[in-house]
């Protein structure tokens, strides 16, 4: 909400409100509008590879499976066999 100092109230506009770093703004009170600058056109969105970037969470699961498969981390026999199969599957997919 933008504070309208001369009127001693907040702008209560609801049409076209978008999120900005400073908070939600209506088209009349965006950071560029307040500076008297034209609005920046909408961009293409997220980069094409944004969802294919490996997650650190996935990497930690692989490391955890390796620890279980090596016997360094205790687990049930079923989990141990599954971890060995997962690590074996990962090693076959990479060339070293």
C-alpha atoms as a PDB file:
ATOM      1  CA  UNK A   1       0.000   0.000   0.000  1.00  0.00           C
ATOM      2  CA  UNK A   2       1.284   3.404  -0.932  1.00  0.00           C
ATOM      3  CA  UNK A   3       0.906   6.247   1.569  1.00  0.00           C
ATOM      4  CA  UNK A   4      -0.699   9.348   0.050  1.00  0.00           C
ATOM      5  CA  UNK A   5       0.802  11.985   2.323  1.00  0.00           C
ATOM      6  CA  UNK A   6      -1.244  14.934   1.050  1.00  0.00           C
ATOM      7  CA  UNK A   7      -4.469  13.017   1.692  1.00  0.00           C
ATOM      8  CA  UNK A   8      -3.239  11.357   4.905  1.00  0.00           C
ATOM      9  CA  UNK A   9      -4.359   7.882   3.762  1.00  0.00           C
ATOM     10  CA  UNK A  10      -3.185   4.750   1.965  1.00  0.00           C
ATOM     11  CA  UNK A  11      -3.977   4.019  -1.660  1.00  0.00           C
ATOM     12  CA  UNK A  12      -6.558   1.241  -1.576  1.00  0.00           C
ATOM     13  CA  UNK A  13      -6.463   0.364  -5.283  1.00  0.00           C
ATOM     14  CA  UNK A  14      -7.100  -3.294  -6.064  1.00  0.00           C
ATOM     15  CA  UNK A  15      -6.941  -3.354  -9.890  1.00  0.00           C
ATOM     16  CA  UNK A  16      -3.613  -4.359 -11.432  1.00  0.00           C
ATOM     17  CA  UNK A  17      -1.801  -4.737  -8.090  1.00  0.00           C
ATOM     18  CA  UNK A  18       1.486  -6.649  -8.504  1.00  0.00           C
ATOM     19  CA  UNK A  19       4.180  -7.698  -6.025  1.00  0.00           C
ATOM     20  CA  UNK A  20       7.371  -5.616  -5.866  1.00  0.00           C
ATOM     21  CA  UNK A  21      10.321  -5.673  -3.477  1.00  0.00           C
ATOM     22  CA  UNK A  22       8.764  -2.757  -1.598  1.00  0.00           C
ATOM     23  CA  UNK A  23       5.428  -4.578  -1.353  1.00  0.00           C
ATOM     24  CA  UNK A  24       2.292  -4.824  -3.479  1.00  0.00           C
ATOM     25  CA  UNK A  25       1.800  -1.790  -5.753  1.00  0.00           C
ATOM     26  CA  UNK A  26      -0.986  -0.612  -8.014  1.00  0.00           C
ATOM     27  CA  UNK A  27       0.013   0.619 -11.500  1.00  0.00           C
ATOM     28  CA  UNK A  28      -0.095   4.262 -10.350  1.00  0.00           C
ATOM     29  CA  UNK A  29       2.351   3.669  -7.487  1.00  0.00           C
ATOM     30  CA  UNK A  30       4.987   1.302  -8.855  1.00  0.00           C
ATOM     31  CA  UNK A  31       8.612   2.319  -8.203  1.00  0.00           C
ATOM     32  CA  UNK A  32       9.020   3.523 -11.816  1.00  0.00           C
ATOM     33  CA  UNK A  33       5.683   5.385 -11.800  1.00  0.00           C
ATOM     34  CA  UNK A  34       6.701   7.274  -8.646  1.00  0.00           C
ATOM     35  CA  UNK A  35       9.956   8.327 -10.374  1.00  0.00           C
ATOM     36  CA  UNK A  36       8.114   9.400 -13.511  1.00  0.00           C
ATOM     37  CA  UNK A  37       9.704   6.640 -15.600  1.00  0.00           C
ATOM     38  CA  UNK A  38       7.937   4.286 -18.028  1.00  0.00           C
ATOM     39  CA  UNK A  39       7.179   0.779 -16.836  1.00  0.00           C
ATOM     40  CA  UNK A  40       9.575  -1.968 -17.836  1.00  0.00           C
ATOM     41  CA  UNK A  41       7.861  -4.420 -20.206  1.00  0.00           C
ATOM     42  CA  UNK A  42       7.246  -7.890 -18.869  1.00  0.00           C
ATOM     43  CA  UNK A  43      10.121 -10.254 -19.563  1.00  0.00           C
ATOM     44  CA  UNK A  44      10.120 -13.811 -20.859  1.00  0.00           C
ATOM     45  CA  UNK A  45       9.792 -15.289 -17.363  1.00  0.00           C
ATOM     46  CA  UNK A  46      11.952 -18.007 -15.894  1.00  0.00           C
ATOM     47  CA  UNK A  47      14.983 -19.142 -17.932  1.00  0.00           C
ATOM     48  CA  UNK A  48      14.503 -22.344 -19.923  1.00  0.00           C
ATOM     49  CA  UNK A  49      16.966 -24.305 -17.767  1.00  0.00           C
ATOM     50  CA  UNK A  50      15.556 -23.151 -14.442  1.00  0.00           C
ATOM     51  CA  UNK A  51      13.833 -26.451 -13.667  1.00  0.00           C
ATOM     52  CA  UNK A  52      16.648 -28.684 -14.905  1.00  0.00           C
ATOM     53  CA  UNK A  53      19.259 -27.291 -12.561  1.00  0.00           C
ATOM     54  CA  UNK A  54      20.234 -30.073 -10.143  1.00  0.00           C
ATOM     55  CA  UNK A  55      18.985 -29.498  -6.660  1.00  0.00           C
ATOM     56  CA  UNK A  56      21.445 -29.713  -3.749  1.00  0.00           C
ATOM     57  CA  UNK A  57      18.795 -31.846  -2.062  1.00  0.00           C
ATOM     58  CA  UNK A  58      19.165 -34.491  -4.767  1.00  0.00           C
ATOM     59  CA  UNK A  59      22.942 -34.426  -4.359  1.00  0.00           C
ATOM     60  CA  UNK A  60      22.603 -35.017  -0.610  1.00  0.00           C
ATOM     61  CA  UNK A  61      20.346 -38.008  -1.275  1.00  0.00           C
ATOM     62  CA  UNK A  62      22.999 -39.534  -3.535  1.00  0.00           C
ATOM     63  CA  UNK A  63      25.662 -38.957  -0.875  1.00  0.00           C
ATOM     64  CA  UNK A  64      23.349 -40.465   1.738  1.00  0.00           C
ATOM     65  CA  UNK A  65      22.747 -43.522  -0.455  1.00  0.00           C
ATOM     66  CA  UNK A  66      26.515 -43.895  -0.850  1.00  0.00           C
ATOM     67  CA  UNK A  67      26.991 -43.761   2.926  1.00  0.00           C
ATOM     68  CA  UNK A  68      24.325 -46.434   3.442  1.00  0.00           C
ATOM     69  CA  UNK A  69      25.696 -48.582   0.612  1.00  0.00           C
ATOM     70  CA  UNK A  70      29.216 -48.409   2.024  1.00  0.00           C
ATOM     71  CA  UNK A  71      28.009 -49.487   5.454  1.00  0.00           C
ATOM     72  CA  UNK A  72      29.102 -46.210   7.093  1.00  0.00           C
ATOM     73  CA  UNK A  73      25.506 -45.421   7.956  1.00  0.00           C
ATOM     74  CA  UNK A  74      23.293 -47.943   9.699  1.00  0.00           C
ATOM     75  CA  UNK A  75      20.111 -49.043   7.988  1.00  0.00           C
ATOM     76  CA  UNK A  76      17.746 -51.953   7.537  1.00  0.00           C
ATOM     77  CA  UNK A  77      18.805 -54.746   5.160  1.00  0.00           C
ATOM     78  CA  UNK A  78      16.195 -53.625   2.608  1.00  0.00           C
ATOM     79  CA  UNK A  79      17.451 -50.017   2.706  1.00  0.00           C
ATOM     80  CA  UNK A  80      21.046 -51.230   2.428  1.00  0.00           C
ATOM     81  CA  UNK A  81      20.264 -53.303  -0.698  1.00  0.00           C
ATOM     82  CA  UNK A  82      18.250 -50.454  -2.232  1.00  0.00           C
ATOM     83  CA  UNK A  83      21.104 -48.013  -1.594  1.00  0.00           C
ATOM     84  CA  UNK A  84      23.619 -50.393  -3.140  1.00  0.00           C
ATOM     85  CA  UNK A  85      21.406 -50.731  -6.218  1.00  0.00           C
ATOM     86  CA  UNK A  86      20.979 -46.941  -6.450  1.00  0.00           C
ATOM     87  CA  UNK A  87      24.717 -46.273  -6.135  1.00  0.00           C
ATOM     88  CA  UNK A  88      25.473 -49.042  -8.640  1.00  0.00           C
ATOM     89  CA  UNK A  89      22.929 -47.520 -11.041  1.00  0.00           C
ATOM     90  CA  UNK A  90      24.577 -44.078 -10.629  1.00  0.00           C
ATOM     91  CA  UNK A  91      28.076 -45.463 -11.203  1.00  0.00           C
ATOM     92  CA  UNK A  92      27.021 -47.259 -14.390  1.00  0.00           C
ATOM     93  CA  UNK A  93      25.619 -43.996 -15.730  1.00  0.00           C
ATOM     94  CA  UNK A  94      28.896 -42.106 -15.288  1.00  0.00           C
ATOM     95  CA  UNK A  95      32.179 -42.747 -17.021  1.00  0.00           C
ATOM     96  CA  UNK A  96      35.330 -42.574 -14.990  1.00  0.00           C
END
